[in-house]
Every structure is written in structure tokens, then in C-alpha cells.
Amino acid sequence: MPQRRNVLTPEALAMMDTIARTGSFAAAARELGKVPSALTYSVRQLEEALDVLLFHRSSRQAQLTAAGNELLHEGRRLLQEMDAVANRVQRVASGWEAMLSVSVDDALSSTTVFELVEAFCGLCTGEQAELRHATRLRVRTEVLSGTWEALVSGQADIAIGIPGTHANPGNIEQLPLGELPFVFCVAPHHPLAKLPPPLTHDQLVKHRAVAVADTAQRLAPMTFNLLPGQDVLTVSTMRHKLDALLRGLGSGWVPEPHARPHLAAGHLVALEMANGGFSAPMFYAWRADRGPLGQGKALQWWLDQLASPATRQALLDRHAGATPGR
């Protein structure tokens, strides 16, 4: 048993991962900066110590046996756990998280988001030594309930642009981001643009709507103002929705800041609805399960930025080609 344990080193597990990922000993050797014979020797040592066959000898490719697949699966898990321990130790020493994941709703200003990312990354090279950190940042774009789901599932540490309120599992803190106004838009050549206002549901249901798909996988997806029996063209992003509307492929509600430059240019027209318009309350939230390490400095930095009313307004209002306000 001690001999088996001794051969299961991080280097051996990483070697197995590289061979499986690249598909051959030769490719793995090039990536690791070794000769193929050195990898073959290391694998044979590993097989002898474990008394198993890890690769099929009859295959020209690096094809794993069942035992090899099990070692690869468990080895990857062990490597991840080792990384987690190292990251935890680093955070204890510095207070900065090794990784911070930010989930942002697709309706918000990507310009402002990347200005924040730029400022955060600038801390790494700041002249003030105490600001330097090694936090890796992961920014993910979600739609509707997907923004919240990323947070509560642990895939994100902070979620920005959550539409409406959701059931709180008990470890989430949430604050308002602001109100996002919506306008109902079509292309000037769309049939709905030729009807006298205000438009009714009976008129809308005869024409195709364009909607952005909710990215939630487990939570119930959200939909806004889609009518029963109405034809729907579903797209993946707000940009794609605008493209579809500009081509006259349908009608739909769009955040006013997104639609503003197209309305000003006459490429879209805003139509009056019989039941009026609406604004969606937006929130930002973060995981508050602090534990013995307390809240990390990276998360606190983002919360400090979001505490600024100007930043919150920019996230809602500053889109490419749009000007703040009306």
C-alpha cells in the first residue's frame, strides 16, 4: 500500500491527464517537454506499482483501459482538491480569493462591465504593493433566471442584473441595482408599425414575437409578455434580438438603452401598447456564507464599486451608441 501511494504523485496524475487529453504519448511528450520513451517508462512504473494495465497495448492511440479511466477520473478530482487547498492557503495569507466568478445579465452594459474588469485587473500592477493580488476573474453572461441560478448553484460569487426577486436559500445578500425601462419595438416596415396605436393583445398575437432565451438550467425559466398561441423566434442574446427586430423578423420588448440609438436613427420604431409600458426592477446579489476566512477582498472590491449610484446607473444605461438619459 505505501508503494502504491508513493507513485500517485501530482506529477504522475498530471501526466495521465495530459496523455488522455492529447490522445497520444508523442503529443503528451511534446507538451510536457519530454521524450515519448520517458512517458512510456513512467506509465509502466505506475502500472507495475498499481498492478493494473492503464492503456491498451493493441491500440495505436493512447486508449485507456477501464482501470485507466478510473485513475484519470479520480486523479483529476485529486488535482482539483490539491489546487483548492493551495488556493485556500493563499487566501488565508493574502485575503484575496484565488478565483472570483461574476455573473452578469445580458441586458446590462457590457461597456461598463469591462471598464470594471479593467479597473480590477489594474490592481494587479498597481504601484501600491498592498493592492497587488493574483485573483483570477471569470465573467459569465446569463439571461433572466440564469443570472440568479449561477449564484445560488455556486457557479458565481456575485450576480449583477437579477430581474425581479427569487426565493432566497438563506446565504444570499441582495441590493437593488435600479429600474430598467423597456420599449416595444418593431422595424418601420413591419406590419404592426402601420396599425393605429395603441396596440392590443389581439393584434399582437397574430404576429411573431422575438425573445431571448432564459439561460437557467434548473430553475423555471422566465418569460416576459409572450402571448398564448403566439409564434415566437427565440434567440440567445439581446444583440441577436435587436438584429432580428431590425430585419423585421418579429416584434418585442427591448431595454430602452439598447433600443435608443436604433430609435434615434429610425431603424426601429417604438409602439404604444394598450396596457402601457413597464420597467423591470434589477438587483445585484452575492454569496454571504463567509465562514472562518471572512469575506474576500476581491468580492469586497466589486461590492464597493456597486455601492456607487453612478456605477449602477451606468450598468443600466451605458450601451454602445446610446447616450445617458433621454
C-alpha atoms as a PDB file:
ATOM      1  CA  MET A   1       0.000   0.000   0.000  1.00  0.00           C
ATOM      2  CA  PRO A   2       2.745   2.574   0.797  1.00  0.00           C
ATOM      3  CA  GLN A   3       4.335   1.842  -2.588  1.00  0.00           C
ATOM      4  CA  ARG A   4       1.026   2.450  -4.376  1.00  0.00           C
ATOM      5  CA  ARG A   5       0.533   5.685  -2.510  1.00  0.00           C
ATOM      6  CA  ASN A   6       4.048   6.831  -3.343  1.00  0.00           C
ATOM      7  CA  VAL A   7       3.531   6.504  -7.090  1.00  0.00           C
ATOM      8  CA  LEU A   8       0.292   8.510  -7.081  1.00  0.00           C
ATOM      9  CA  THR A   9       2.097  11.824  -7.190  1.00  0.00           C
ATOM     10  CA  PRO A  10       0.648  15.059  -8.654  1.00  0.00           C
ATOM     11  CA  GLU A  11       3.174  14.728 -11.474  1.00  0.00           C
ATOM     12  CA  ALA A  12       2.007  11.188 -12.323  1.00  0.00           C
ATOM     13  CA  LEU A  13      -1.659  12.213 -12.237  1.00  0.00           C
ATOM     14  CA  ALA A  14      -0.953  15.260 -14.401  1.00  0.00           C
ATOM     15  CA  MET A  15       0.930  13.022 -16.843  1.00  0.00           C
ATOM     16  CA  MET A  16      -2.098  10.724 -17.155  1.00  0.00           C
ATOM     17  CA  ASP A  17      -4.330  13.718 -17.746  1.00  0.00           C
ATOM     18  CA  THR A  18      -2.053  15.079 -20.477  1.00  0.00           C
ATOM     19  CA  ILE A  19      -1.800  11.730 -22.287  1.00  0.00           C
ATOM     20  CA  ALA A  20      -5.584  11.254 -22.208  1.00  0.00           C
ATOM     21  CA  ARG A  21      -6.259  14.840 -23.305  1.00  0.00           C
ATOM     22  CA  THR A  22      -3.772  14.877 -26.194  1.00  0.00           C
ATOM     23  CA  GLY A  23      -4.583  11.344 -27.352  1.00  0.00           C
ATOM     24  CA  SER A  24      -1.041  10.044 -27.762  1.00  0.00           C
ATOM     25  CA  PHE A  25       2.244   9.599 -25.917  1.00  0.00           C
ATOM     26  CA  ALA A  26       4.065  11.623 -28.589  1.00  0.00           C
ATOM     27  CA  ALA A  27       1.740  14.628 -28.283  1.00  0.00           C
ATOM     28  CA  ALA A  28       1.824  14.457 -24.494  1.00  0.00           C
ATOM     29  CA  ALA A  29       5.617  14.289 -24.537  1.00  0.00           C
ATOM     30  CA  ARG A  30       5.801  17.430 -26.692  1.00  0.00           C
ATOM     31  CA  GLU A  31       3.505  19.291 -24.329  1.00  0.00           C
ATOM     32  CA  LEU A  32       5.430  18.164 -21.248  1.00  0.00           C
ATOM     33  CA  GLY A  33       8.829  18.756 -22.828  1.00  0.00           C
ATOM     34  CA  LYS A  34       9.893  15.119 -22.581  1.00  0.00           C
ATOM     35  CA  VAL A  35      10.709  12.278 -24.972  1.00  0.00           C
ATOM     36  CA  PRO A  36       7.972   9.656 -25.571  1.00  0.00           C
ATOM     37  CA  SER A  37      10.128   6.878 -24.136  1.00  0.00           C
ATOM     38  CA  ALA A  38      10.311   8.712 -20.780  1.00  0.00           C
ATOM     39  CA  LEU A  39       6.498   8.840 -20.610  1.00  0.00           C
ATOM     40  CA  THR A  40       6.237   5.164 -21.586  1.00  0.00           C
ATOM     41  CA  TYR A  41       8.658   4.256 -18.806  1.00  0.00           C
ATOM     42  CA  SER A  42       6.746   6.348 -16.237  1.00  0.00           C
ATOM     43  CA  VAL A  43       3.427   4.727 -17.224  1.00  0.00           C
ATOM     44  CA  ARG A  44       4.948   1.228 -16.915  1.00  0.00           C
ATOM     45  CA  GLN A  45       6.245   2.083 -13.440  1.00  0.00           C
ATOM     46  CA  LEU A  46       2.783   3.288 -12.478  1.00  0.00           C
ATOM     47  CA  GLU A  47       1.173   0.124 -13.872  1.00  0.00           C
ATOM     48  CA  GLU A  48       3.624  -2.136 -12.033  1.00  0.00           C
ATOM     49  CA  ALA A  49       3.097  -0.363  -8.719  1.00  0.00           C
ATOM     50  CA  LEU A  50      -0.704  -0.492  -9.048  1.00  0.00           C
ATOM     51  CA  ASP A  51      -0.650  -3.967 -10.669  1.00  0.00           C
ATOM     52  CA  VAL A  52      -3.059  -2.884 -13.412  1.00  0.00           C
ATOM     53  CA  LEU A  53      -2.950  -2.136 -17.120  1.00  0.00           C
ATOM     54  CA  LEU A  54      -3.735   1.550 -17.750  1.00  0.00           C
ATOM     55  CA  PHE A  55      -3.513   1.663 -21.562  1.00  0.00           C
ATOM     56  CA  HIS A  56      -4.460  -0.863 -24.236  1.00  0.00           C
ATOM     57  CA  ARG A  57      -1.284  -2.096 -25.914  1.00  0.00           C
ATOM     58  CA  SER A  58      -3.126  -3.147 -29.094  1.00  0.00           C
ATOM     59  CA  SER A  59      -4.198   0.398 -29.963  1.00  0.00           C
ATOM     60  CA  ARG A  60      -2.046   2.854 -31.884  1.00  0.00           C
ATOM     61  CA  GLN A  61      -3.630   5.666 -29.873  1.00  0.00           C
ATOM     62  CA  ALA A  62      -3.375   6.206 -26.119  1.00  0.00           C
ATOM     63  CA  GLN A  63      -6.575   4.346 -25.344  1.00  0.00           C
ATOM     64  CA  LEU A  64      -7.337   3.938 -21.648  1.00  0.00           C
ATOM     65  CA  THR A  65      -8.494   0.707 -20.068  1.00  0.00           C
ATOM     66  CA  ALA A  66     -11.348   0.753 -17.546  1.00  0.00           C
ATOM     67  CA  ALA A  67      -8.764   0.948 -14.768  1.00  0.00           C
ATOM     68  CA  GLY A  68      -7.014   3.789 -16.598  1.00  0.00           C
ATOM     69  CA  ASN A  69     -10.287   5.690 -16.947  1.00  0.00           C
ATOM     70  CA  GLU A  70     -10.934   5.332 -13.228  1.00  0.00           C
ATOM     71  CA  LEU A  71      -7.451   6.586 -12.372  1.00  0.00           C
ATOM     72  CA  LEU A  72      -7.891   9.510 -14.767  1.00  0.00           C
ATOM     73  CA  HIS A  73     -11.264  10.459 -13.247  1.00  0.00           C
ATOM     74  CA  GLU A  74     -10.103  10.212  -9.644  1.00  0.00           C
ATOM     75  CA  GLY A  75      -6.743  11.774 -10.484  1.00  0.00           C
ATOM     76  CA  ARG A  76      -8.395  14.849 -11.933  1.00  0.00           C
ATOM     77  CA  ARG A  77     -10.545  15.142  -8.823  1.00  0.00           C
ATOM     78  CA  LEU A  78      -7.480  14.868  -6.569  1.00  0.00           C
ATOM     79  CA  LEU A  79      -5.633  17.523  -8.590  1.00  0.00           C
ATOM     80  CA  GLN A  80      -8.608  19.864  -8.247  1.00  0.00           C
ATOM     81  CA  GLU A  81      -8.690  19.287  -4.500  1.00  0.00           C
ATOM     82  CA  MET A  82      -4.946  19.998  -4.271  1.00  0.00           C
ATOM     83  CA  ASP A  83      -5.493  23.252  -6.165  1.00  0.00           C
ATOM     84  CA  ALA A  84      -8.355  24.128  -3.809  1.00  0.00           C
ATOM     85  CA  VAL A  85      -6.136  23.576  -0.767  1.00  0.00           C
ATOM     86  CA  ALA A  86      -3.419  25.767  -2.292  1.00  0.00           C
ATOM     87  CA  ASN A  87      -5.966  28.469  -3.117  1.00  0.00           C
ATOM     88  CA  ARG A  88      -7.391  28.336   0.395  1.00  0.00           C
ATOM     89  CA  VAL A  89      -3.926  28.720   1.907  1.00  0.00           C
ATOM     90  CA  GLN A  90      -3.229  31.638  -0.430  1.00  0.00           C
ATOM     91  CA  ARG A  91      -6.447  33.358   0.614  1.00  0.00           C
ATOM     92  CA  VAL A  92      -5.640  32.898   4.302  1.00  0.00           C
ATOM     93  CA  ALA A  93      -2.280  34.555   3.704  1.00  0.00           C
ATOM     94  CA  SER A  94      -3.414  37.438   1.475  1.00  0.00           C
ATOM     95  CA  GLY A  95      -7.157  37.864   1.912  1.00  0.00           C
ATOM     96  CA  TRP A  96      -7.604  37.782  -1.880  1.00  0.00           C
ATOM     97  CA  GLU A  97      -9.589  34.967  -3.479  1.00  0.00           C
ATOM     98  CA  ALA A  98      -7.708  32.810  -5.986  1.00  0.00           C
ATOM     99  CA  MET A  99     -10.787  32.932  -8.250  1.00  0.00           C
ATOM    100  CA  LEU A 100     -13.815  35.224  -8.419  1.00  0.00           C
ATOM    101  CA  SER A 101     -16.720  34.480 -10.738  1.00  0.00           C
ATOM    102  CA  VAL A 102     -19.072  37.298 -11.756  1.00  0.00           C
ATOM    103  CA  SER A 103     -22.415  36.578 -13.400  1.00  0.00           C
ATOM    104  CA  VAL A 104     -23.838  39.495 -15.427  1.00  0.00           C
ATOM    105  CA  ASP A 105     -27.231  39.711 -17.087  1.00  0.00           C
ATOM    106  CA  ASP A 106     -27.132  40.186 -20.858  1.00  0.00           C
ATOM    107  CA  ALA A 107     -29.346  43.296 -20.597  1.00  0.00           C
ATOM    108  CA  LEU A 108     -26.664  45.305 -18.769  1.00  0.00           C
ATOM    109  CA  SER A 109     -23.961  47.498 -20.295  1.00  0.00           C
ATOM    110  CA  SER A 110     -21.027  45.368 -21.414  1.00  0.00           C
ATOM    111  CA  THR A 111     -19.019  48.574 -21.812  1.00  0.00           C
ATOM    112  CA  THR A 112     -19.395  49.336 -18.112  1.00  0.00           C
ATOM    113  CA  VAL A 113     -18.773  45.737 -17.102  1.00  0.00           C
ATOM    114  CA  PHE A 114     -15.434  45.693 -18.915  1.00  0.00           C
ATOM    115  CA  GLU A 115     -14.476  49.066 -17.510  1.00  0.00           C
ATOM    116  CA  LEU A 116     -14.909  47.473 -14.089  1.00  0.00           C
ATOM    117  CA  VAL A 117     -12.929  44.423 -15.220  1.00  0.00           C
ATOM    118  CA  GLU A 118     -10.161  46.706 -16.488  1.00  0.00           C
ATOM    119  CA  ALA A 119     -10.041  48.562 -13.179  1.00  0.00           C
ATOM    120  CA  PHE A 120     -10.000  45.312 -11.213  1.00  0.00           C
ATOM    121  CA  CYS A 121      -7.215  43.827 -13.336  1.00  0.00           C
ATOM    122  CA  GLY A 122      -5.295  47.080 -12.935  1.00  0.00           C
ATOM    123  CA  LEU A 123      -4.958  46.315  -9.235  1.00  0.00           C
ATOM    124  CA  CYS A 124      -2.555  43.526 -10.182  1.00  0.00           C
ATOM    125  CA  THR A 125       0.002  46.002 -11.470  1.00  0.00           C
ATOM    126  CA  GLY A 126      -0.719  48.941  -9.208  1.00  0.00           C
ATOM    127  CA  GLU A 127       2.164  50.820  -7.674  1.00  0.00           C
ATOM    128  CA  GLN A 128       0.744  50.246  -4.209  1.00  0.00           C
ATOM    129  CA  ALA A 129       2.091  46.858  -3.162  1.00  0.00           C
ATOM    130  CA  GLU A 130      -0.823  46.157  -0.848  1.00  0.00           C
ATOM    131  CA  LEU A 131      -3.220  46.260  -3.805  1.00  0.00           C
ATOM    132  CA  ARG A 132      -1.425  43.611  -5.811  1.00  0.00           C
ATOM    133  CA  HIS A 133      -3.258  40.331  -5.969  1.00  0.00           C
ATOM    134  CA  ALA A 134      -3.464  37.166  -8.040  1.00  0.00           C
ATOM    135  CA  THR A 135      -7.228  36.749  -8.232  1.00  0.00           C
ATOM    136  CA  ARG A 136      -8.299  35.184 -11.497  1.00  0.00           C
ATOM    137  CA  LEU A 137     -11.529  36.711 -12.750  1.00  0.00           C
ATOM    138  CA  ARG A 138     -14.259  34.820 -14.572  1.00  0.00           C
ATOM    139  CA  VAL A 139     -17.068  36.843 -16.148  1.00  0.00           C
ATOM    140  CA  ARG A 140     -20.090  34.961 -17.449  1.00  0.00           C
ATOM    141  CA  THR A 141     -23.135  36.317 -19.287  1.00  0.00           C
ATOM    142  CA  GLU A 142     -26.555  34.974 -18.366  1.00  0.00           C
ATOM    143  CA  VAL A 143     -30.168  35.789 -19.206  1.00  0.00           C
ATOM    144  CA  LEU A 144     -33.110  36.247 -16.790  1.00  0.00           C
ATOM    145  CA  SER A 145     -33.202  33.470 -14.156  1.00  0.00           C
ATOM    146  CA  GLY A 146     -29.827  32.178 -15.327  1.00  0.00           C
ATOM    147  CA  THR A 147     -28.115  35.094 -13.577  1.00  0.00           C
ATOM    148  CA  TRP A 148     -29.640  34.093 -10.233  1.00  0.00           C
ATOM    149  CA  GLU A 149     -29.133  30.377 -10.827  1.00  0.00           C
ATOM    150  CA  ALA A 150     -25.401  30.854 -11.407  1.00  0.00           C
ATOM    151  CA  LEU A 151     -25.172  32.457  -7.968  1.00  0.00           C
ATOM    152  CA  VAL A 152     -27.277  30.039  -5.912  1.00  0.00           C
ATOM    153  CA  SER A 153     -25.677  26.996  -7.595  1.00  0.00           C
ATOM    154  CA  GLY A 154     -22.214  28.191  -6.580  1.00  0.00           C
ATOM    155  CA  GLN A 155     -21.041  28.867 -10.146  1.00  0.00           C
ATOM    156  CA  ALA A 156     -20.782  32.596  -9.395  1.00  0.00           C
ATOM    157  CA  ASP A 157     -19.735  34.581  -6.320  1.00  0.00           C
ATOM    158  CA  ILE A 158     -21.645  37.704  -7.308  1.00  0.00           C
ATOM    159  CA  ALA A 159     -24.552  38.213  -9.723  1.00  0.00           C
ATOM    160  CA  ILE A 160     -25.285  41.599 -11.294  1.00  0.00           C
ATOM    161  CA  GLY A 161     -28.584  42.358 -13.008  1.00  0.00           C
ATOM    162  CA  ILE A 162     -31.004  39.896 -11.420  1.00  0.00           C
ATOM    163  CA  PRO A 163     -34.519  40.627 -12.746  1.00  0.00           C
ATOM    164  CA  GLY A 164     -37.143  40.581 -10.007  1.00  0.00           C
ATOM    165  CA  THR A 165     -36.923  38.688  -6.754  1.00  0.00           C
ATOM    166  CA  HIS A 166     -36.326  34.976  -6.157  1.00  0.00           C
ATOM    167  CA  ALA A 167     -36.608  32.596  -3.213  1.00  0.00           C
ATOM    168  CA  ASN A 168     -33.506  33.127  -1.101  1.00  0.00           C
ATOM    169  CA  PRO A 169     -31.851  29.868   0.043  1.00  0.00           C
ATOM    170  CA  GLY A 170     -30.587  31.745   3.108  1.00  0.00           C
ATOM    171  CA  ASN A 171     -26.972  32.535   2.268  1.00  0.00           C
ATOM    172  CA  ILE A 172     -27.526  35.324  -0.281  1.00  0.00           C
ATOM    173  CA  GLU A 173     -27.484  39.073   0.280  1.00  0.00           C
ATOM    174  CA  GLN A 174     -29.225  41.266  -2.271  1.00  0.00           C
ATOM    175  CA  LEU A 175     -29.490  45.001  -3.019  1.00  0.00           C
ATOM    176  CA  PRO A 176     -31.317  46.992  -5.725  1.00  0.00           C
ATOM    177  CA  LEU A 177     -29.402  47.930  -8.865  1.00  0.00           C
ATOM    178  CA  GLY A 178     -32.126  50.154 -10.324  1.00  0.00           C
ATOM    179  CA  GLU A 179     -35.044  50.211 -12.753  1.00  0.00           C
ATOM    180  CA  LEU A 180     -34.571  49.184 -16.383  1.00  0.00           C
ATOM    181  CA  PRO A 181     -37.237  50.696 -18.697  1.00  0.00           C
ATOM    182  CA  PHE A 182     -38.471  48.694 -21.697  1.00  0.00           C
ATOM    183  CA  VAL A 183     -39.989  49.811 -25.009  1.00  0.00           C
ATOM    184  CA  PHE A 184     -41.954  47.764 -27.524  1.00  0.00           C
ATOM    185  CA  CYS A 185     -40.126  47.887 -30.877  1.00  0.00           C
ATOM    186  CA  VAL A 186     -40.524  46.845 -34.484  1.00  0.00           C
ATOM    187  CA  ALA A 187     -38.804  47.758 -37.742  1.00  0.00           C
ATOM    188  CA  PRO A 188     -40.503  50.584 -39.697  1.00  0.00           C
ATOM    189  CA  HIS A 189     -41.527  48.143 -42.434  1.00  0.00           C
ATOM    190  CA  HIS A 190     -43.132  45.671 -40.009  1.00  0.00           C
ATOM    191  CA  PRO A 191     -46.946  45.316 -40.380  1.00  0.00           C
ATOM    192  CA  LEU A 192     -47.523  46.350 -36.737  1.00  0.00           C
ATOM    193  CA  ALA A 193     -45.870  49.717 -37.431  1.00  0.00           C
ATOM    194  CA  LYS A 194     -48.717  50.569 -39.813  1.00  0.00           C
ATOM    195  CA  LEU A 195     -51.520  49.972 -37.280  1.00  0.00           C
ATOM    196  CA  PRO A 196     -53.037  52.896 -35.333  1.00  0.00           C
ATOM    197  CA  PRO A 197     -51.982  52.994 -31.647  1.00  0.00           C
ATOM    198  CA  PRO A 198     -52.440  51.726 -29.063  1.00  0.00           C
ATOM    199  CA  LEU A 199     -51.916  48.077 -29.968  1.00  0.00           C
ATOM    200  CA  THR A 200     -53.910  45.325 -28.277  1.00  0.00           C
ATOM    201  CA  HIS A 201     -53.054  41.721 -27.443  1.00  0.00           C
ATOM    202  CA  ASP A 202     -55.476  40.565 -30.157  1.00  0.00           C
ATOM    203  CA  GLN A 203     -53.372  42.429 -32.730  1.00  0.00           C
ATOM    204  CA  LEU A 204     -50.008  41.273 -31.339  1.00  0.00           C
ATOM    205  CA  VAL A 205     -50.864  37.570 -31.198  1.00  0.00           C
ATOM    206  CA  LYS A 206     -51.171  37.462 -34.996  1.00  0.00           C
ATOM    207  CA  HIS A 207     -47.518  38.420 -35.409  1.00  0.00           C
ATOM    208  CA  ARG A 208     -44.241  36.728 -34.427  1.00  0.00           C
ATOM    209  CA  ALA A 209     -42.507  37.807 -31.219  1.00  0.00           C
ATOM    210  CA  VAL A 210     -38.732  37.750 -30.712  1.00  0.00           C
ATOM    211  CA  ALA A 211     -37.482  36.606 -27.301  1.00  0.00           C
ATOM    212  CA  VAL A 212     -34.130  35.973 -25.649  1.00  0.00           C
ATOM    213  CA  ALA A 213     -33.922  32.506 -24.100  1.00  0.00           C
ATOM    214  CA  ASP A 214     -33.557  32.227 -20.338  1.00  0.00           C
ATOM    215  CA  THR A 215     -30.221  30.516 -19.588  1.00  0.00           C
ATOM    216  CA  ALA A 216     -31.433  28.812 -16.380  1.00  0.00           C
ATOM    217  CA  GLN A 217     -30.982  25.029 -16.484  1.00  0.00           C
ATOM    218  CA  ARG A 218     -32.676  24.003 -13.241  1.00  0.00           C
ATOM    219  CA  LEU A 219     -34.874  26.928 -12.226  1.00  0.00           C
ATOM    220  CA  ALA A 220     -38.136  27.627 -14.016  1.00  0.00           C
ATOM    221  CA  PRO A 221     -37.335  29.903 -16.992  1.00  0.00           C
ATOM    222  CA  MET A 222     -38.788  33.398 -17.034  1.00  0.00           C
ATOM    223  CA  THR A 223     -40.675  34.928 -19.974  1.00  0.00           C
ATOM    224  CA  PHE A 224     -41.910  38.480 -20.434  1.00  0.00           C
ATOM    225  CA  ASN A 225     -45.055  39.489 -22.338  1.00  0.00           C
ATOM    226  CA  LEU A 226     -45.316  36.463 -24.608  1.00  0.00           C
ATOM    227  CA  LEU A 227     -48.914  35.677 -25.528  1.00  0.00           C
ATOM    228  CA  PRO A 228     -50.507  32.189 -25.612  1.00  0.00           C
ATOM    229  CA  GLY A 229     -50.592  30.874 -29.165  1.00  0.00           C
ATOM    230  CA  GLN A 230     -48.169  33.498 -30.481  1.00  0.00           C
ATOM    231  CA  ASP A 231     -45.366  32.455 -32.835  1.00  0.00           C
ATOM    232  CA  VAL A 232     -42.002  33.068 -31.151  1.00  0.00           C
ATOM    233  CA  LEU A 233     -38.484  33.357 -32.571  1.00  0.00           C
ATOM    234  CA  THR A 234     -36.074  32.563 -29.726  1.00  0.00           C
ATOM    235  CA  VAL A 235     -32.501  33.856 -29.815  1.00  0.00           C
ATOM    236  CA  SER A 236     -29.609  33.625 -27.365  1.00  0.00           C
ATOM    237  CA  THR A 237     -28.586  37.271 -26.764  1.00  0.00           C
ATOM    238  CA  MET A 238     -30.058  40.767 -26.712  1.00  0.00           C
ATOM    239  CA  ARG A 239     -27.807  41.683 -29.651  1.00  0.00           C
ATOM    240  CA  HIS A 240     -29.342  38.859 -31.683  1.00  0.00           C
ATOM    241  CA  LYS A 241     -32.814  40.034 -30.689  1.00  0.00           C
ATOM    242  CA  LEU A 242     -32.054  43.536 -31.956  1.00  0.00           C
ATOM    243  CA  ASP A 243     -30.702  42.064 -35.210  1.00  0.00           C
ATOM    244  CA  ALA A 244     -33.932  40.105 -35.672  1.00  0.00           C
ATOM    245  CA  LEU A 245     -36.084  43.168 -34.933  1.00  0.00           C
ATOM    246  CA  LEU A 246     -34.087  45.343 -37.340  1.00  0.00           C
ATOM    247  CA  ARG A 247     -34.709  42.771 -40.101  1.00  0.00           C
ATOM    248  CA  GLY A 248     -38.448  42.818 -39.432  1.00  0.00           C
ATOM    249  CA  LEU A 249     -38.482  39.206 -38.255  1.00  0.00           C
ATOM    250  CA  GLY A 250     -40.763  39.994 -35.336  1.00  0.00           C
ATOM    251  CA  SER A 251     -41.633  42.384 -32.538  1.00  0.00           C
ATOM    252  CA  GLY A 252     -40.623  42.569 -28.919  1.00  0.00           C
ATOM    253  CA  TRP A 253     -39.831  44.448 -25.736  1.00  0.00           C
ATOM    254  CA  VAL A 254     -36.286  45.795 -25.566  1.00  0.00           C
ATOM    255  CA  PRO A 255     -34.462  47.653 -22.773  1.00  0.00           C
ATOM    256  CA  GLU A 256     -34.779  51.325 -23.760  1.00  0.00           C
ATOM    257  CA  PRO A 257     -30.997  51.982 -23.579  1.00  0.00           C
ATOM    258  CA  HIS A 258     -30.401  49.139 -26.057  1.00  0.00           C
ATOM    259  CA  ALA A 259     -33.070  50.426 -28.438  1.00  0.00           C
ATOM    260  CA  ARG A 260     -32.212  54.134 -28.090  1.00  0.00           C
ATOM    261  CA  PRO A 261     -29.632  54.521 -30.915  1.00  0.00           C
ATOM    262  CA  HIS A 262     -31.803  52.477 -33.319  1.00  0.00           C
ATOM    263  CA  LEU A 263     -34.872  54.549 -32.471  1.00  0.00           C
ATOM    264  CA  ALA A 264     -32.919  57.772 -32.963  1.00  0.00           C
ATOM    265  CA  ALA A 265     -31.667  56.555 -36.372  1.00  0.00           C
ATOM    266  CA  GLY A 266     -35.168  55.487 -37.444  1.00  0.00           C
ATOM    267  CA  HIS A 267     -34.169  51.844 -37.811  1.00  0.00           C
ATOM    268  CA  LEU A 268     -36.686  50.854 -35.138  1.00  0.00           C
ATOM    269  CA  VAL A 269     -39.938  52.456 -34.008  1.00  0.00           C
ATOM    270  CA  ALA A 270     -41.444  52.308 -30.531  1.00  0.00           C
ATOM    271  CA  LEU A 271     -45.130  51.401 -30.491  1.00  0.00           C
ATOM    272  CA  GLU A 272     -47.689  52.412 -27.892  1.00  0.00           C
ATOM    273  CA  MET A 273     -49.352  49.479 -26.134  1.00  0.00           C
ATOM    274  CA  ALA A 274     -52.891  49.400 -24.799  1.00  0.00           C
ATOM    275  CA  ASN A 275     -51.661  48.145 -21.422  1.00  0.00           C
ATOM    276  CA  GLY A 276     -48.791  50.670 -21.299  1.00  0.00           C
ATOM    277  CA  GLY A 277     -45.069  50.121 -20.903  1.00  0.00           C
ATOM    278  CA  PHE A 278     -43.098  48.766 -17.984  1.00  0.00           C
ATOM    279  CA  SER A 279     -39.808  48.945 -16.117  1.00  0.00           C
ATOM    280  CA  ALA A 280     -38.078  45.926 -14.615  1.00  0.00           C
ATOM    281  CA  PRO A 281     -36.518  46.211 -11.149  1.00  0.00           C
ATOM    282  CA  MET A 282     -32.960  44.862 -11.244  1.00  0.00           C
ATOM    283  CA  PHE A 283     -30.815  43.697  -8.331  1.00  0.00           C
ATOM    284  CA  TYR A 284     -27.311  42.533  -7.547  1.00  0.00           C
ATOM    285  CA  ALA A 285     -26.557  39.781  -5.041  1.00  0.00           C
ATOM    286  CA  TRP A 286     -23.642  37.854  -3.604  1.00  0.00           C
ATOM    287  CA  ARG A 287     -22.930  34.762  -1.581  1.00  0.00           C
ATOM    288  CA  ALA A 288     -22.746  35.702   2.099  1.00  0.00           C
ATOM    289  CA  ASP A 289     -21.577  32.362   3.525  1.00  0.00           C
ATOM    290  CA  ARG A 290     -18.394  33.846   4.925  1.00  0.00           C
ATOM    291  CA  GLY A 291     -17.085  31.062   7.130  1.00  0.00           C
ATOM    292  CA  PRO A 292     -13.854  31.307   9.143  1.00  0.00           C
ATOM    293  CA  LEU A 293     -11.992  33.185   6.375  1.00  0.00           C
ATOM    294  CA  GLY A 294     -14.384  36.111   6.200  1.00  0.00           C
ATOM    295  CA  GLN A 295     -15.331  37.922   3.003  1.00  0.00           C
ATOM    296  CA  GLY A 296     -12.603  38.010   0.369  1.00  0.00           C
ATOM    297  CA  LYS A 297     -11.051  41.270  -0.787  1.00  0.00           C
ATOM    298  CA  ALA A 298     -11.918  40.681  -4.452  1.00  0.00           C
ATOM    299  CA  LEU A 299     -15.636  40.330  -3.722  1.00  0.00           C
ATOM    300  CA  GLN A 300     -15.489  43.354  -1.436  1.00  0.00           C
ATOM    301  CA  TRP A 301     -13.892  45.396  -4.246  1.00  0.00           C
ATOM    302  CA  TRP A 302     -16.825  44.647  -6.565  1.00  0.00           C
ATOM    303  CA  LEU A 303     -19.340  45.446  -3.839  1.00  0.00           C
ATOM    304  CA  ASP A 304     -17.586  48.767  -3.237  1.00  0.00           C
ATOM    305  CA  GLN A 305     -17.937  49.647  -6.933  1.00  0.00           C
ATOM    306  CA  LEU A 306     -21.614  48.699  -6.958  1.00  0.00           C
ATOM    307  CA  ALA A 307     -22.229  50.904  -3.931  1.00  0.00           C
ATOM    308  CA  SER A 308     -21.743  53.881  -6.280  1.00  0.00           C
ATOM    309  CA  PRO A 309     -25.029  55.183  -7.786  1.00  0.00           C
ATOM    310  CA  ALA A 310     -23.094  56.301 -10.888  1.00  0.00           C
ATOM    311  CA  THR A 311     -21.791  52.766 -11.479  1.00  0.00           C
ATOM    312  CA  ARG A 312     -25.229  51.232 -11.036  1.00  0.00           C
ATOM    313  CA  GLN A 313     -26.765  53.744 -13.448  1.00  0.00           C
ATOM    314  CA  ALA A 314     -24.005  53.156 -15.999  1.00  0.00           C
ATOM    315  CA  LEU A 315     -24.622  49.406 -15.889  1.00  0.00           C
ATOM    316  CA  LEU A 316     -28.277  50.016 -16.729  1.00  0.00           C
ATOM    317  CA  ASP A 317     -27.878  52.868 -19.202  1.00  0.00           C
ATOM    318  CA  ARG A 318     -24.498  52.991 -20.979  1.00  0.00           C
ATOM    319  CA  HIS A 319     -24.718  50.872 -24.100  1.00  0.00           C
ATOM    320  CA  ALA A 320     -22.758  51.205 -27.332  1.00  0.00           C
ATOM    321  CA  GLY A 321     -24.163  54.045 -29.377  1.00  0.00           C
ATOM    322  CA  ALA A 322     -26.505  55.165 -26.604  1.00  0.00           C
ATOM    323  CA  THR A 323     -26.301  58.415 -24.678  1.00  0.00           C
ATOM    324  CA  PRO A 324     -27.214  58.608 -20.975  1.00  0.00           C
ATOM    325  CA  GLY A 325     -30.762  59.689 -20.312  1.00  0.00           C
ATOM    326  CA  ARG A 326     -33.235  60.877 -22.942  1.00  0.00           C
END
